[in-house]
Amino acid sequence: MHLVNLQEQNSIVNSFIAQLRDVNIQKDSMRFRKNVERIGEILGYELSKSLAYKTKNIATPLENALVEMPEDSLVICSILRAGLPLHTGLLNVFDSAENSFISAYRHHTSETEFEIKVEYLATPNLEGKTLIVADPMLATGRTFLNVLEALKPMGTPKCIHLVSVIGSKPGIDLLQKSLPNTICLWIAAIDDTLNKHGYIVPGLGDAGDLCFGCKLSN
């Protein structure tokens, strides 16, 4: 797996990440969602540089202009529910993309052990398209692996991009061992560790709860 980490170069993304992490600022759910959305827009912009382009002749009021336009057929697949603001940010950039949604959650078998369950999928055909899978928190890496497995019957994409806001080094290491170099991960920040419950440290907490409120345990 190829990795693009925006944290390797200082940018305004640092401010958005700081606000997402800050225990006082993140209490504002609307602001939290907006910061995830803004990071999604920036990650989408960076990702757009890797797409295929073709020349299109555009009629202006004065004369025609040649413009390089993206030619990939995109599908943005977001992992419910925390992926929705990130999906919005990507869709703000790729406004003609098709949309896919999948549920993936942790089913705890003990205090520290869990399995990833995928129970809902709504998607167009993926054959020959550029697939972007969005999940704001990349903890163990197992959610991305399970989602990619669940999407296999829906067609073989031309290429696959993973998009995340904050990830853990152990989770990224797992993905790099498990996925081919043709898949690229675009991420805004990487933290070093996971705690015994499999949450990113320092991370920011539960992104789904911070976006949409607390949920009942499953």
N, C-alpha and C. Protein backbone atom coordinates (compact mmCIF):
# COMPACT_ATOMS: atom_id res chain seq x y z
N MET A 1 0.84 -1.20 0.00
CA MET A 1 0.00 0.00 0.00
C MET A 1 0.87 1.25 0.00
N HIS A 2 0.51 2.19 -0.85
CA HIS A 2 1.20 3.48 -0.90
C HIS A 2 0.58 4.43 0.13
N LEU A 3 1.40 5.25 0.78
CA LEU A 3 0.94 6.14 1.85
C LEU A 3 1.26 7.59 1.51
N VAL A 4 0.24 8.46 1.62
CA VAL A 4 0.43 9.91 1.52
C VAL A 4 -0.05 10.52 2.83
N ASN A 5 0.89 11.08 3.60
CA ASN A 5 0.61 11.63 4.93
C ASN A 5 0.77 13.14 4.90
N LEU A 6 -0.34 13.88 5.00
CA LEU A 6 -0.28 15.34 4.95
C LEU A 6 0.52 15.93 6.11
N GLN A 7 0.67 15.17 7.18
CA GLN A 7 1.38 15.65 8.37
C GLN A 7 2.88 15.84 8.10
N GLU A 8 3.39 15.28 7.01
CA GLU A 8 4.81 15.39 6.71
C GLU A 8 5.19 16.81 6.31
N GLN A 9 4.19 17.64 6.00
CA GLN A 9 4.45 19.04 5.67
C GLN A 9 3.42 19.91 6.38
N ASN A 10 3.88 20.93 7.08
CA ASN A 10 2.96 21.79 7.82
C ASN A 10 2.01 22.53 6.88
N SER A 11 0.74 22.59 7.29
CA SER A 11 -0.29 23.29 6.51
C SER A 11 -1.42 23.66 7.45
N ILE A 12 -2.45 24.30 6.91
CA ILE A 12 -3.62 24.69 7.71
C ILE A 12 -4.33 23.46 8.28
N VAL A 13 -4.08 22.28 7.70
CA VAL A 13 -4.69 21.06 8.24
C VAL A 13 -4.33 20.88 9.72
N ASN A 14 -3.14 21.35 10.12
CA ASN A 14 -2.74 21.25 11.54
C ASN A 14 -3.78 21.89 12.45
N SER A 15 -4.32 23.05 12.04
CA SER A 15 -5.30 23.75 12.87
C SER A 15 -6.59 22.96 12.98
N PHE A 16 -7.02 22.35 11.87
CA PHE A 16 -8.26 21.57 11.90
C PHE A 16 -8.09 20.33 12.78
N ILE A 17 -6.93 19.68 12.69
CA ILE A 17 -6.65 18.51 13.52
C ILE A 17 -6.61 18.91 15.00
N ALA A 18 -5.98 20.05 15.30
CA ALA A 18 -5.91 20.52 16.69
C ALA A 18 -7.29 20.74 17.27
N GLN A 19 -8.20 21.32 16.48
CA GLN A 19 -9.56 21.57 16.96
C GLN A 19 -10.33 20.26 17.15
N LEU A 20 -10.09 19.29 16.27
CA LEU A 20 -10.74 17.99 16.43
C LEU A 20 -10.30 17.30 17.72
N ARG A 21 -9.04 17.46 18.08
CA ARG A 21 -8.50 16.79 19.27
C ARG A 21 -8.87 17.51 20.57
N ASP A 22 -9.02 18.83 20.52
CA ASP A 22 -9.19 19.65 21.73
C ASP A 22 -10.49 19.29 22.45
N VAL A 23 -10.38 18.88 23.72
CA VAL A 23 -11.54 18.38 24.47
C VAL A 23 -12.61 19.46 24.66
N ASN A 24 -12.23 20.71 24.60
CA ASN A 24 -13.21 21.79 24.75
C ASN A 24 -13.87 22.13 23.41
N ILE A 25 -13.08 22.28 22.38
CA ILE A 25 -13.62 22.66 21.07
C ILE A 25 -14.46 21.54 20.48
N GLN A 26 -14.05 20.27 20.67
CA GLN A 26 -14.76 19.15 20.04
C GLN A 26 -16.14 18.92 20.64
N LYS A 27 -16.46 19.59 21.74
CA LYS A 27 -17.81 19.48 22.30
C LYS A 27 -18.86 20.10 21.39
N ASP A 28 -18.44 20.98 20.52
CA ASP A 28 -19.34 21.60 19.53
C ASP A 28 -19.45 20.64 18.35
N SER A 29 -20.52 19.86 18.30
CA SER A 29 -20.67 18.82 17.28
C SER A 29 -20.66 19.39 15.86
N MET A 30 -21.29 20.54 15.68
CA MET A 30 -21.35 21.12 14.34
C MET A 30 -19.95 21.52 13.88
N ARG A 31 -19.17 22.09 14.78
CA ARG A 31 -17.81 22.49 14.43
C ARG A 31 -16.95 21.26 14.18
N PHE A 32 -17.14 20.20 14.97
CA PHE A 32 -16.40 18.96 14.78
C PHE A 32 -16.68 18.40 13.39
N ARG A 33 -17.95 18.31 13.03
CA ARG A 33 -18.31 17.80 11.70
C ARG A 33 -17.71 18.66 10.60
N LYS A 34 -17.75 19.98 10.78
CA LYS A 34 -17.23 20.89 9.75
C LYS A 34 -15.73 20.71 9.59
N ASN A 35 -15.00 20.50 10.68
CA ASN A 35 -13.56 20.30 10.57
C ASN A 35 -13.24 19.01 9.84
N VAL A 36 -14.00 17.95 10.11
CA VAL A 36 -13.80 16.70 9.37
C VAL A 36 -14.10 16.93 7.89
N GLU A 37 -15.16 17.67 7.61
CA GLU A 37 -15.53 17.97 6.23
C GLU A 37 -14.42 18.75 5.52
N ARG A 38 -13.86 19.75 6.20
CA ARG A 38 -12.80 20.56 5.59
C ARG A 38 -11.56 19.72 5.30
N ILE A 39 -11.22 18.82 6.22
CA ILE A 39 -10.08 17.94 5.98
C ILE A 39 -10.38 17.02 4.80
N GLY A 40 -11.63 16.56 4.69
CA GLY A 40 -12.03 15.76 3.54
C GLY A 40 -11.83 16.49 2.22
N GLU A 41 -12.14 17.78 2.20
CA GLU A 41 -11.95 18.58 1.00
C GLU A 41 -10.47 18.66 0.63
N ILE A 42 -9.62 18.86 1.63
CA ILE A 42 -8.18 18.97 1.36
C ILE A 42 -7.61 17.64 0.90
N LEU A 43 -8.01 16.56 1.57
CA LEU A 43 -7.55 15.23 1.15
C LEU A 43 -8.03 14.92 -0.26
N GLY A 44 -9.26 15.32 -0.57
CA GLY A 44 -9.79 15.12 -1.91
C GLY A 44 -9.01 15.89 -2.96
N TYR A 45 -8.63 17.12 -2.62
CA TYR A 45 -7.82 17.92 -3.54
C TYR A 45 -6.49 17.25 -3.82
N GLU A 46 -5.84 16.78 -2.76
CA GLU A 46 -4.54 16.11 -2.94
C GLU A 46 -4.72 14.83 -3.76
N LEU A 47 -5.76 14.08 -3.48
CA LEU A 47 -6.04 12.84 -4.22
C LEU A 47 -6.29 13.13 -5.70
N SER A 48 -6.92 14.26 -5.99
CA SER A 48 -7.28 14.59 -7.37
C SER A 48 -6.05 14.69 -8.27
N LYS A 49 -4.89 14.96 -7.69
CA LYS A 49 -3.66 15.08 -8.48
C LYS A 49 -3.22 13.74 -9.05
N SER A 50 -3.75 12.65 -8.49
CA SER A 50 -3.34 11.32 -8.94
C SER A 50 -4.28 10.73 -9.99
N LEU A 51 -5.36 11.42 -10.30
CA LEU A 51 -6.36 10.89 -11.23
C LEU A 51 -5.90 11.04 -12.69
N ALA A 52 -6.57 10.32 -13.56
CA ALA A 52 -6.30 10.45 -14.99
C ALA A 52 -7.06 11.65 -15.56
N TYR A 53 -6.44 12.35 -16.50
CA TYR A 53 -7.04 13.56 -17.09
C TYR A 53 -7.03 13.47 -18.61
N LYS A 54 -7.97 14.17 -19.23
CA LYS A 54 -7.99 14.28 -20.68
C LYS A 54 -8.33 15.72 -21.05
N THR A 55 -7.88 16.14 -22.23
CA THR A 55 -8.08 17.51 -22.69
C THR A 55 -9.50 17.69 -23.21
N LYS A 56 -10.14 18.76 -22.74
CA LYS A 56 -11.51 19.08 -23.20
C LYS A 56 -11.53 20.51 -23.73
N ASN A 57 -12.24 20.69 -24.82
CA ASN A 57 -12.37 22.00 -25.44
C ASN A 57 -13.59 22.70 -24.84
N ILE A 58 -13.36 23.82 -24.15
CA ILE A 58 -14.42 24.55 -23.45
C ILE A 58 -14.71 25.87 -24.18
N ALA A 59 -15.97 26.13 -24.46
CA ALA A 59 -16.36 27.39 -25.11
C ALA A 59 -16.51 28.47 -24.05
N THR A 60 -15.75 29.54 -24.18
CA THR A 60 -15.86 30.71 -23.30
C THR A 60 -16.57 31.83 -24.08
N PRO A 61 -16.93 32.96 -23.44
CA PRO A 61 -17.58 34.06 -24.18
C PRO A 61 -16.71 34.65 -25.28
N LEU A 62 -15.35 34.46 -25.20
CA LEU A 62 -14.46 35.06 -26.18
C LEU A 62 -13.94 34.07 -27.20
N GLU A 63 -13.41 32.94 -26.76
CA GLU A 63 -12.93 31.90 -27.66
C GLU A 63 -12.80 30.60 -26.89
N ASN A 64 -12.54 29.52 -27.57
CA ASN A 64 -12.43 28.22 -26.91
C ASN A 64 -11.15 28.13 -26.09
N ALA A 65 -11.20 27.34 -25.00
CA ALA A 65 -10.05 27.10 -24.15
C ALA A 65 -9.89 25.60 -23.93
N LEU A 66 -8.65 25.13 -23.96
CA LEU A 66 -8.35 23.74 -23.70
C LEU A 66 -8.08 23.55 -22.21
N VAL A 67 -8.81 22.64 -21.59
CA VAL A 67 -8.70 22.40 -20.15
C VAL A 67 -8.49 20.91 -19.91
N GLU A 68 -7.56 20.59 -19.01
CA GLU A 68 -7.36 19.19 -18.62
C GLU A 68 -8.41 18.82 -17.57
N MET A 69 -9.26 17.86 -17.90
CA MET A 69 -10.38 17.48 -17.05
C MET A 69 -10.21 16.03 -16.58
N PRO A 70 -10.59 15.73 -15.31
CA PRO A 70 -10.49 14.34 -14.84
C PRO A 70 -11.45 13.45 -15.61
N GLU A 71 -10.98 12.25 -15.95
CA GLU A 71 -11.82 11.33 -16.73
C GLU A 71 -12.21 10.09 -15.94
N ASP A 72 -11.75 9.94 -14.71
CA ASP A 72 -12.10 8.78 -13.91
C ASP A 72 -13.57 8.81 -13.51
N SER A 73 -14.20 7.64 -13.50
CA SER A 73 -15.54 7.50 -12.93
C SER A 73 -15.38 7.15 -11.45
N LEU A 74 -15.76 8.08 -10.58
CA LEU A 74 -15.50 7.94 -9.15
C LEU A 74 -16.70 7.40 -8.40
N VAL A 75 -16.41 6.59 -7.38
CA VAL A 75 -17.40 6.17 -6.39
C VAL A 75 -16.82 6.44 -5.01
N ILE A 76 -17.52 7.25 -4.21
CA ILE A 76 -17.10 7.52 -2.83
C ILE A 76 -17.89 6.61 -1.91
N CYS A 77 -17.20 5.75 -1.19
CA CYS A 77 -17.85 4.82 -0.26
C CYS A 77 -17.49 5.21 1.16
N SER A 78 -18.49 5.59 1.94
CA SER A 78 -18.25 6.00 3.32
C SER A 78 -18.72 4.94 4.30
N ILE A 79 -17.95 4.80 5.37
CA ILE A 79 -18.25 3.83 6.41
C ILE A 79 -19.11 4.52 7.46
N LEU A 80 -20.34 4.04 7.62
CA LEU A 80 -21.29 4.65 8.54
C LEU A 80 -20.91 4.35 9.99
N ARG A 81 -21.18 5.32 10.91
CA ARG A 81 -21.80 6.61 10.64
C ARG A 81 -20.79 7.74 10.63
N ALA A 82 -19.61 7.49 11.22
CA ALA A 82 -18.60 8.53 11.38
C ALA A 82 -18.08 9.06 10.06
N GLY A 83 -18.21 8.26 8.99
CA GLY A 83 -17.67 8.67 7.70
C GLY A 83 -18.49 9.72 6.97
N LEU A 84 -19.68 10.05 7.47
CA LEU A 84 -20.56 10.95 6.71
C LEU A 84 -19.99 12.36 6.51
N PRO A 85 -19.44 13.04 7.53
CA PRO A 85 -18.87 14.36 7.28
C PRO A 85 -17.66 14.31 6.34
N LEU A 86 -16.86 13.26 6.45
CA LEU A 86 -15.73 13.08 5.54
C LEU A 86 -16.23 12.87 4.12
N HIS A 87 -17.30 12.11 3.98
CA HIS A 87 -17.95 11.89 2.68
C HIS A 87 -18.39 13.22 2.08
N THR A 88 -18.99 14.07 2.89
CA THR A 88 -19.45 15.38 2.41
C THR A 88 -18.28 16.20 1.88
N GLY A 89 -17.16 16.20 2.62
CA GLY A 89 -15.99 16.93 2.17
C GLY A 89 -15.47 16.43 0.84
N LEU A 90 -15.40 15.12 0.67
CA LEU A 90 -14.95 14.54 -0.59
C LEU A 90 -15.93 14.85 -1.71
N LEU A 91 -17.23 14.80 -1.40
CA LEU A 91 -18.25 15.06 -2.41
C LEU A 91 -18.25 16.54 -2.82
N ASN A 92 -17.85 17.43 -1.92
CA ASN A 92 -17.71 18.85 -2.28
C ASN A 92 -16.66 19.03 -3.38
N VAL A 93 -15.66 18.16 -3.38
CA VAL A 93 -14.60 18.23 -4.38
C VAL A 93 -14.98 17.44 -5.63
N PHE A 94 -15.44 16.21 -5.41
CA PHE A 94 -15.81 15.33 -6.53
C PHE A 94 -17.33 15.29 -6.65
N ASP A 95 -17.91 16.41 -7.09
CA ASP A 95 -19.36 16.56 -7.02
C ASP A 95 -20.12 15.70 -8.02
N SER A 96 -19.44 15.10 -8.99
CA SER A 96 -20.13 14.23 -9.93
C SER A 96 -19.93 12.75 -9.60
N ALA A 97 -19.32 12.47 -8.46
CA ALA A 97 -19.05 11.08 -8.07
C ALA A 97 -20.34 10.36 -7.71
N GLU A 98 -20.35 9.04 -7.94
CA GLU A 98 -21.41 8.20 -7.41
C GLU A 98 -21.14 7.95 -5.93
N ASN A 99 -22.17 7.46 -5.23
CA ASN A 99 -22.06 7.34 -3.78
C ASN A 99 -22.39 5.94 -3.31
N SER A 100 -21.61 5.50 -2.31
CA SER A 100 -21.79 4.17 -1.73
C SER A 100 -21.69 4.30 -0.21
N PHE A 101 -22.48 3.48 0.50
CA PHE A 101 -22.47 3.53 1.96
C PHE A 101 -22.44 2.12 2.52
N ILE A 102 -21.66 1.93 3.56
CA ILE A 102 -21.52 0.62 4.17
C ILE A 102 -21.43 0.78 5.67
N SER A 103 -22.04 -0.12 6.42
CA SER A 103 -21.94 -0.08 7.88
C SER A 103 -20.87 -1.05 8.34
N ALA A 104 -20.03 -0.61 9.24
CA ALA A 104 -19.03 -1.47 9.85
C ALA A 104 -18.85 -1.03 11.29
N TYR A 105 -18.97 -1.96 12.23
CA TYR A 105 -18.86 -1.57 13.63
C TYR A 105 -18.15 -2.67 14.42
N ARG A 106 -17.71 -2.28 15.60
CA ARG A 106 -17.03 -3.21 16.49
C ARG A 106 -18.04 -3.99 17.32
N HIS A 107 -18.02 -5.30 17.20
CA HIS A 107 -18.84 -6.16 18.06
C HIS A 107 -17.90 -6.77 19.10
N HIS A 108 -18.04 -6.29 20.34
CA HIS A 108 -17.11 -6.70 21.40
C HIS A 108 -17.43 -8.09 21.91
N THR A 109 -16.42 -8.94 21.95
CA THR A 109 -16.55 -10.28 22.52
C THR A 109 -15.99 -10.34 23.93
N SER A 110 -15.27 -9.29 24.33
CA SER A 110 -14.79 -9.12 25.71
C SER A 110 -14.47 -7.65 25.88
N GLU A 111 -13.93 -7.28 27.03
CA GLU A 111 -13.63 -5.87 27.29
C GLU A 111 -12.63 -5.32 26.29
N THR A 112 -11.69 -6.13 25.86
CA THR A 112 -10.63 -5.65 24.98
C THR A 112 -10.63 -6.31 23.60
N GLU A 113 -11.44 -7.36 23.40
CA GLU A 113 -11.46 -8.06 22.11
C GLU A 113 -12.74 -7.74 21.35
N PHE A 114 -12.63 -7.62 20.03
CA PHE A 114 -13.79 -7.32 19.21
C PHE A 114 -13.57 -7.85 17.80
N GLU A 115 -14.69 -7.99 17.08
CA GLU A 115 -14.65 -8.31 15.67
C GLU A 115 -15.38 -7.23 14.90
N ILE A 116 -15.00 -7.04 13.64
CA ILE A 116 -15.64 -6.03 12.81
C ILE A 116 -16.81 -6.68 12.06
N LYS A 117 -18.00 -6.12 12.23
CA LYS A 117 -19.18 -6.63 11.55
C LYS A 117 -19.65 -5.65 10.48
N VAL A 118 -19.92 -6.17 9.30
CA VAL A 118 -20.47 -5.39 8.19
C VAL A 118 -21.88 -5.89 7.94
N GLU A 119 -22.89 -5.00 8.05
CA GLU A 119 -24.26 -5.46 7.98
C GLU A 119 -25.12 -4.73 6.96
N TYR A 120 -24.63 -3.65 6.36
CA TYR A 120 -25.45 -2.89 5.42
C TYR A 120 -24.56 -2.37 4.30
N LEU A 121 -25.04 -2.46 3.08
CA LEU A 121 -24.28 -1.96 1.94
C LEU A 121 -25.24 -1.46 0.87
N ALA A 122 -25.03 -0.23 0.44
CA ALA A 122 -25.76 0.34 -0.70
C ALA A 122 -24.72 0.94 -1.63
N THR A 123 -24.60 0.37 -2.83
CA THR A 123 -23.52 0.81 -3.71
C THR A 123 -23.88 0.61 -5.17
N PRO A 124 -23.35 1.46 -6.05
CA PRO A 124 -23.45 1.18 -7.47
C PRO A 124 -22.43 0.11 -7.85
N ASN A 125 -22.45 -0.33 -9.09
CA ASN A 125 -21.44 -1.25 -9.59
C ASN A 125 -20.07 -0.57 -9.57
N LEU A 126 -19.04 -1.29 -9.16
CA LEU A 126 -17.71 -0.72 -9.01
C LEU A 126 -16.77 -1.09 -10.15
N GLU A 127 -17.23 -1.88 -11.09
CA GLU A 127 -16.37 -2.40 -12.15
C GLU A 127 -15.73 -1.27 -12.95
N GLY A 128 -14.40 -1.25 -12.98
CA GLY A 128 -13.65 -0.30 -13.77
C GLY A 128 -13.65 1.13 -13.26
N LYS A 129 -14.19 1.36 -12.09
CA LYS A 129 -14.29 2.71 -11.54
C LYS A 129 -13.18 2.98 -10.52
N THR A 130 -13.00 4.23 -10.17
CA THR A 130 -12.05 4.61 -9.12
C THR A 130 -12.81 4.69 -7.80
N LEU A 131 -12.46 3.81 -6.89
CA LEU A 131 -13.16 3.69 -5.61
C LEU A 131 -12.40 4.45 -4.52
N ILE A 132 -13.12 5.32 -3.82
CA ILE A 132 -12.57 6.05 -2.66
C ILE A 132 -13.33 5.60 -1.43
N VAL A 133 -12.63 4.96 -0.49
CA VAL A 133 -13.26 4.48 0.74
C VAL A 133 -12.86 5.43 1.87
N ALA A 134 -13.87 6.00 2.56
CA ALA A 134 -13.62 7.04 3.55
C ALA A 134 -14.03 6.58 4.95
N ASP A 135 -13.10 6.71 5.89
CA ASP A 135 -13.35 6.44 7.31
C ASP A 135 -12.44 7.36 8.11
N PRO A 136 -12.98 8.24 8.95
CA PRO A 136 -12.13 9.24 9.60
C PRO A 136 -11.06 8.69 10.54
N MET A 137 -11.34 7.56 11.21
CA MET A 137 -10.39 7.02 12.18
C MET A 137 -9.89 5.65 11.71
N LEU A 138 -8.59 5.55 11.50
CA LEU A 138 -7.96 4.29 11.11
C LEU A 138 -7.23 3.76 12.35
N ALA A 139 -7.90 2.92 13.11
CA ALA A 139 -7.32 2.42 14.37
C ALA A 139 -6.52 1.14 14.13
N THR A 140 -7.20 0.00 14.13
CA THR A 140 -6.49 -1.27 13.93
C THR A 140 -6.26 -1.59 12.46
N GLY A 141 -6.99 -0.94 11.57
CA GLY A 141 -6.91 -1.23 10.15
C GLY A 141 -7.87 -2.31 9.70
N ARG A 142 -8.48 -3.00 10.64
CA ARG A 142 -9.34 -4.14 10.29
C ARG A 142 -10.64 -3.71 9.62
N THR A 143 -11.14 -2.52 9.94
CA THR A 143 -12.38 -2.05 9.30
C THR A 143 -12.18 -1.88 7.80
N PHE A 144 -11.09 -1.22 7.40
CA PHE A 144 -10.83 -1.05 5.98
C PHE A 144 -10.71 -2.41 5.29
N LEU A 145 -10.03 -3.36 5.91
CA LEU A 145 -9.85 -4.69 5.31
C LEU A 145 -11.19 -5.40 5.14
N ASN A 146 -12.04 -5.33 6.16
CA ASN A 146 -13.35 -5.98 6.09
C ASN A 146 -14.25 -5.32 5.05
N VAL A 147 -14.21 -4.01 4.97
CA VAL A 147 -15.03 -3.29 4.00
C VAL A 147 -14.59 -3.62 2.57
N LEU A 148 -13.29 -3.63 2.32
CA LEU A 148 -12.79 -3.97 0.99
C LEU A 148 -13.20 -5.39 0.60
N GLU A 149 -13.20 -6.29 1.56
CA GLU A 149 -13.63 -7.67 1.29
C GLU A 149 -15.12 -7.71 0.95
N ALA A 150 -15.93 -6.93 1.68
CA ALA A 150 -17.37 -6.91 1.45
C ALA A 150 -17.71 -6.30 0.10
N LEU A 151 -16.86 -5.41 -0.41
CA LEU A 151 -17.12 -4.74 -1.68
C LEU A 151 -16.70 -5.56 -2.90
N LYS A 152 -15.95 -6.62 -2.70
CA LYS A 152 -15.42 -7.41 -3.82
C LYS A 152 -16.51 -7.91 -4.78
N PRO A 153 -17.66 -8.39 -4.29
CA PRO A 153 -18.68 -8.88 -5.23
C PRO A 153 -19.32 -7.79 -6.08
N MET A 154 -19.04 -6.53 -5.77
CA MET A 154 -19.68 -5.41 -6.47
C MET A 154 -18.92 -4.97 -7.71
N GLY A 155 -17.86 -5.69 -8.07
CA GLY A 155 -17.07 -5.35 -9.24
C GLY A 155 -15.64 -5.01 -8.87
N THR A 156 -14.75 -5.09 -9.86
CA THR A 156 -13.33 -4.81 -9.63
C THR A 156 -13.03 -3.37 -10.03
N PRO A 157 -12.69 -2.52 -9.08
CA PRO A 157 -12.38 -1.13 -9.42
C PRO A 157 -11.11 -1.01 -10.26
N LYS A 158 -11.04 0.07 -11.01
CA LYS A 158 -9.82 0.41 -11.74
C LYS A 158 -8.68 0.68 -10.75
N CYS A 159 -8.98 1.40 -9.70
CA CYS A 159 -8.02 1.66 -8.62
C CYS A 159 -8.79 1.99 -7.35
N ILE A 160 -8.09 1.87 -6.21
CA ILE A 160 -8.71 2.08 -4.90
C ILE A 160 -7.89 3.08 -4.10
N HIS A 161 -8.57 4.03 -3.49
CA HIS A 161 -7.96 4.99 -2.57
C HIS A 161 -8.66 4.89 -1.22
N LEU A 162 -7.90 4.90 -0.15
CA LEU A 162 -8.43 4.97 1.21
C LEU A 162 -8.18 6.38 1.74
N VAL A 163 -9.18 6.95 2.41
CA VAL A 163 -9.06 8.31 2.93
C VAL A 163 -9.42 8.30 4.42
N SER A 164 -8.54 8.89 5.24
CA SER A 164 -8.77 8.92 6.68
C SER A 164 -8.21 10.21 7.26
N VAL A 165 -8.74 10.60 8.42
CA VAL A 165 -8.29 11.82 9.09
C VAL A 165 -7.11 11.53 10.01
N ILE A 166 -7.31 10.60 10.95
CA ILE A 166 -6.24 10.23 11.89
C ILE A 166 -6.11 8.71 11.91
N GLY A 167 -4.89 8.24 11.85
CA GLY A 167 -4.63 6.81 11.91
C GLY A 167 -3.57 6.46 12.93
N SER A 168 -3.49 5.18 13.25
CA SER A 168 -2.43 4.69 14.15
C SER A 168 -1.37 4.00 13.33
N LYS A 169 -0.14 4.07 13.81
CA LYS A 169 0.95 3.39 13.11
C LYS A 169 0.72 1.89 13.04
N PRO A 170 0.26 1.22 14.12
CA PRO A 170 0.00 -0.22 14.00
C PRO A 170 -1.04 -0.55 12.94
N GLY A 171 -2.11 0.23 12.86
CA GLY A 171 -3.14 0.00 11.86
C GLY A 171 -2.63 0.18 10.44
N ILE A 172 -1.82 1.22 10.24
CA ILE A 172 -1.25 1.46 8.92
C ILE A 172 -0.26 0.37 8.56
N ASP A 173 0.51 -0.10 9.53
CA ASP A 173 1.45 -1.20 9.28
C ASP A 173 0.70 -2.44 8.81
N LEU A 174 -0.46 -2.73 9.42
CA LEU A 174 -1.26 -3.88 9.01
C LEU A 174 -1.73 -3.72 7.56
N LEU A 175 -2.21 -2.54 7.22
CA LEU A 175 -2.68 -2.31 5.86
C LEU A 175 -1.54 -2.44 4.84
N GLN A 176 -0.37 -1.94 5.21
CA GLN A 176 0.76 -2.01 4.29
C GLN A 176 1.19 -3.46 4.06
N LYS A 177 1.02 -4.30 5.06
CA LYS A 177 1.35 -5.71 4.90
C LYS A 177 0.27 -6.47 4.13
N SER A 178 -0.97 -5.99 4.23
CA SER A 178 -2.11 -6.74 3.69
C SER A 178 -2.56 -6.30 2.31
N LEU A 179 -2.25 -5.08 1.91
CA LEU A 179 -2.79 -4.53 0.67
C LEU A 179 -1.69 -4.30 -0.36
N PRO A 180 -2.03 -4.40 -1.64
CA PRO A 180 -1.02 -4.19 -2.69
C PRO A 180 -0.63 -2.72 -2.82
N ASN A 181 0.50 -2.47 -3.49
CA ASN A 181 1.00 -1.11 -3.68
C ASN A 181 0.11 -0.28 -4.59
N THR A 182 -0.82 -0.93 -5.29
CA THR A 182 -1.73 -0.19 -6.17
C THR A 182 -2.78 0.59 -5.39
N ILE A 183 -2.97 0.23 -4.10
CA ILE A 183 -3.92 0.95 -3.24
C ILE A 183 -3.18 2.06 -2.51
N CYS A 184 -3.79 3.24 -2.44
CA CYS A 184 -3.15 4.38 -1.79
C CYS A 184 -3.98 4.87 -0.60
N LEU A 185 -3.32 5.13 0.50
CA LEU A 185 -3.96 5.73 1.68
C LEU A 185 -3.58 7.20 1.77
N TRP A 186 -4.61 8.05 1.85
CA TRP A 186 -4.44 9.50 2.03
C TRP A 186 -4.89 9.83 3.45
N ILE A 187 -4.01 10.41 4.26
CA ILE A 187 -4.31 10.62 5.67
C ILE A 187 -3.75 11.95 6.15
N ALA A 188 -4.43 12.55 7.14
CA ALA A 188 -4.04 13.89 7.60
C ALA A 188 -3.08 13.85 8.79
N ALA A 189 -3.13 12.79 9.61
CA ALA A 189 -2.24 12.70 10.78
C ALA A 189 -2.11 11.24 11.20
N ILE A 190 -0.93 10.91 11.74
CA ILE A 190 -0.67 9.54 12.21
C ILE A 190 -0.16 9.60 13.65
N ASP A 191 -0.81 8.81 14.54
CA ASP A 191 -0.39 8.68 15.93
C ASP A 191 0.33 7.35 16.11
N ASP A 192 1.14 7.26 17.16
CA ASP A 192 2.05 6.12 17.32
C ASP A 192 1.39 4.85 17.83
N THR A 193 0.40 4.96 18.71
CA THR A 193 -0.03 3.77 19.45
C THR A 193 -1.55 3.60 19.49
N LEU A 194 -1.93 2.39 19.93
CA LEU A 194 -3.30 2.06 20.29
C LEU A 194 -3.31 1.67 21.77
N ASN A 195 -4.43 1.94 22.46
CA ASN A 195 -4.53 1.45 23.84
C ASN A 195 -5.07 0.02 23.83
N LYS A 196 -5.28 -0.56 25.00
CA LYS A 196 -5.68 -1.96 25.10
C LYS A 196 -7.06 -2.22 24.52
N HIS A 197 -7.85 -1.15 24.34
CA HIS A 197 -9.19 -1.27 23.75
C HIS A 197 -9.17 -1.08 22.24
N GLY A 198 -7.99 -0.84 21.67
CA GLY A 198 -7.89 -0.66 20.23
C GLY A 198 -8.23 0.73 19.75
N TYR A 199 -8.14 1.74 20.64
CA TYR A 199 -8.39 3.12 20.25
C TYR A 199 -7.08 3.87 20.07
N ILE A 200 -7.09 4.81 19.13
CA ILE A 200 -5.88 5.56 18.81
C ILE A 200 -5.50 6.48 19.96
N VAL A 201 -4.21 6.51 20.29
CA VAL A 201 -3.67 7.38 21.34
C VAL A 201 -2.58 8.27 20.73
N PRO A 202 -2.69 9.63 20.85
CA PRO A 202 -3.72 10.37 21.59
C PRO A 202 -5.08 10.44 20.89
N GLY A 203 -5.11 10.32 19.56
CA GLY A 203 -6.41 10.29 18.88
C GLY A 203 -7.26 11.50 19.17
N LEU A 204 -8.57 11.25 19.26
CA LEU A 204 -9.50 12.34 19.59
C LEU A 204 -10.76 11.85 20.30
N GLY A 205 -10.88 10.53 20.51
CA GLY A 205 -12.09 9.96 21.08
C GLY A 205 -12.89 9.24 20.02
N ASP A 206 -14.18 9.08 20.25
CA ASP A 206 -15.06 8.39 19.31
C ASP A 206 -15.61 9.40 18.30
N ALA A 207 -15.15 9.31 17.05
CA ALA A 207 -15.53 10.30 16.04
C ALA A 207 -17.04 10.27 15.76
N GLY A 208 -17.63 9.07 15.75
CA GLY A 208 -19.07 8.98 15.50
C GLY A 208 -19.88 9.67 16.58
N ASP A 209 -19.51 9.45 17.84
CA ASP A 209 -20.21 10.10 18.95
C ASP A 209 -20.02 11.61 18.92
N LEU A 210 -18.80 12.06 18.59
CA LEU A 210 -18.53 13.49 18.55
C LEU A 210 -19.27 14.17 17.40
N CYS A 211 -19.51 13.44 16.33
CA CYS A 211 -20.27 13.99 15.20
C CYS A 211 -21.77 14.01 15.47
N PHE A 212 -22.29 12.90 16.04
CA PHE A 212 -23.73 12.69 16.04
C PHE A 212 -24.33 12.37 17.40
N GLY A 213 -23.54 12.33 18.47
CA GLY A 213 -24.06 12.02 19.79
C GLY A 213 -23.81 10.57 20.16
N CYS A 214 -23.92 10.29 21.46
CA CYS A 214 -23.63 8.95 21.97
C CYS A 214 -24.66 7.94 21.49
N LYS A 215 -24.20 6.71 21.36
CA LYS A 215 -25.07 5.61 20.93
C LYS A 215 -25.09 4.54 22.01
N LEU A 216 -26.08 3.66 21.95
CA LEU A 216 -26.13 2.52 22.85
C LEU A 216 -25.02 1.55 22.49
N SER A 217 -24.43 0.89 23.48
CA SER A 217 -23.39 -0.09 23.21
C SER A 217 -23.99 -1.30 22.51
N ASN A 218 -23.19 -1.91 21.60
CA ASN A 218 -23.67 -3.11 20.92
C ASN A 218 -22.92 -4.34 21.38
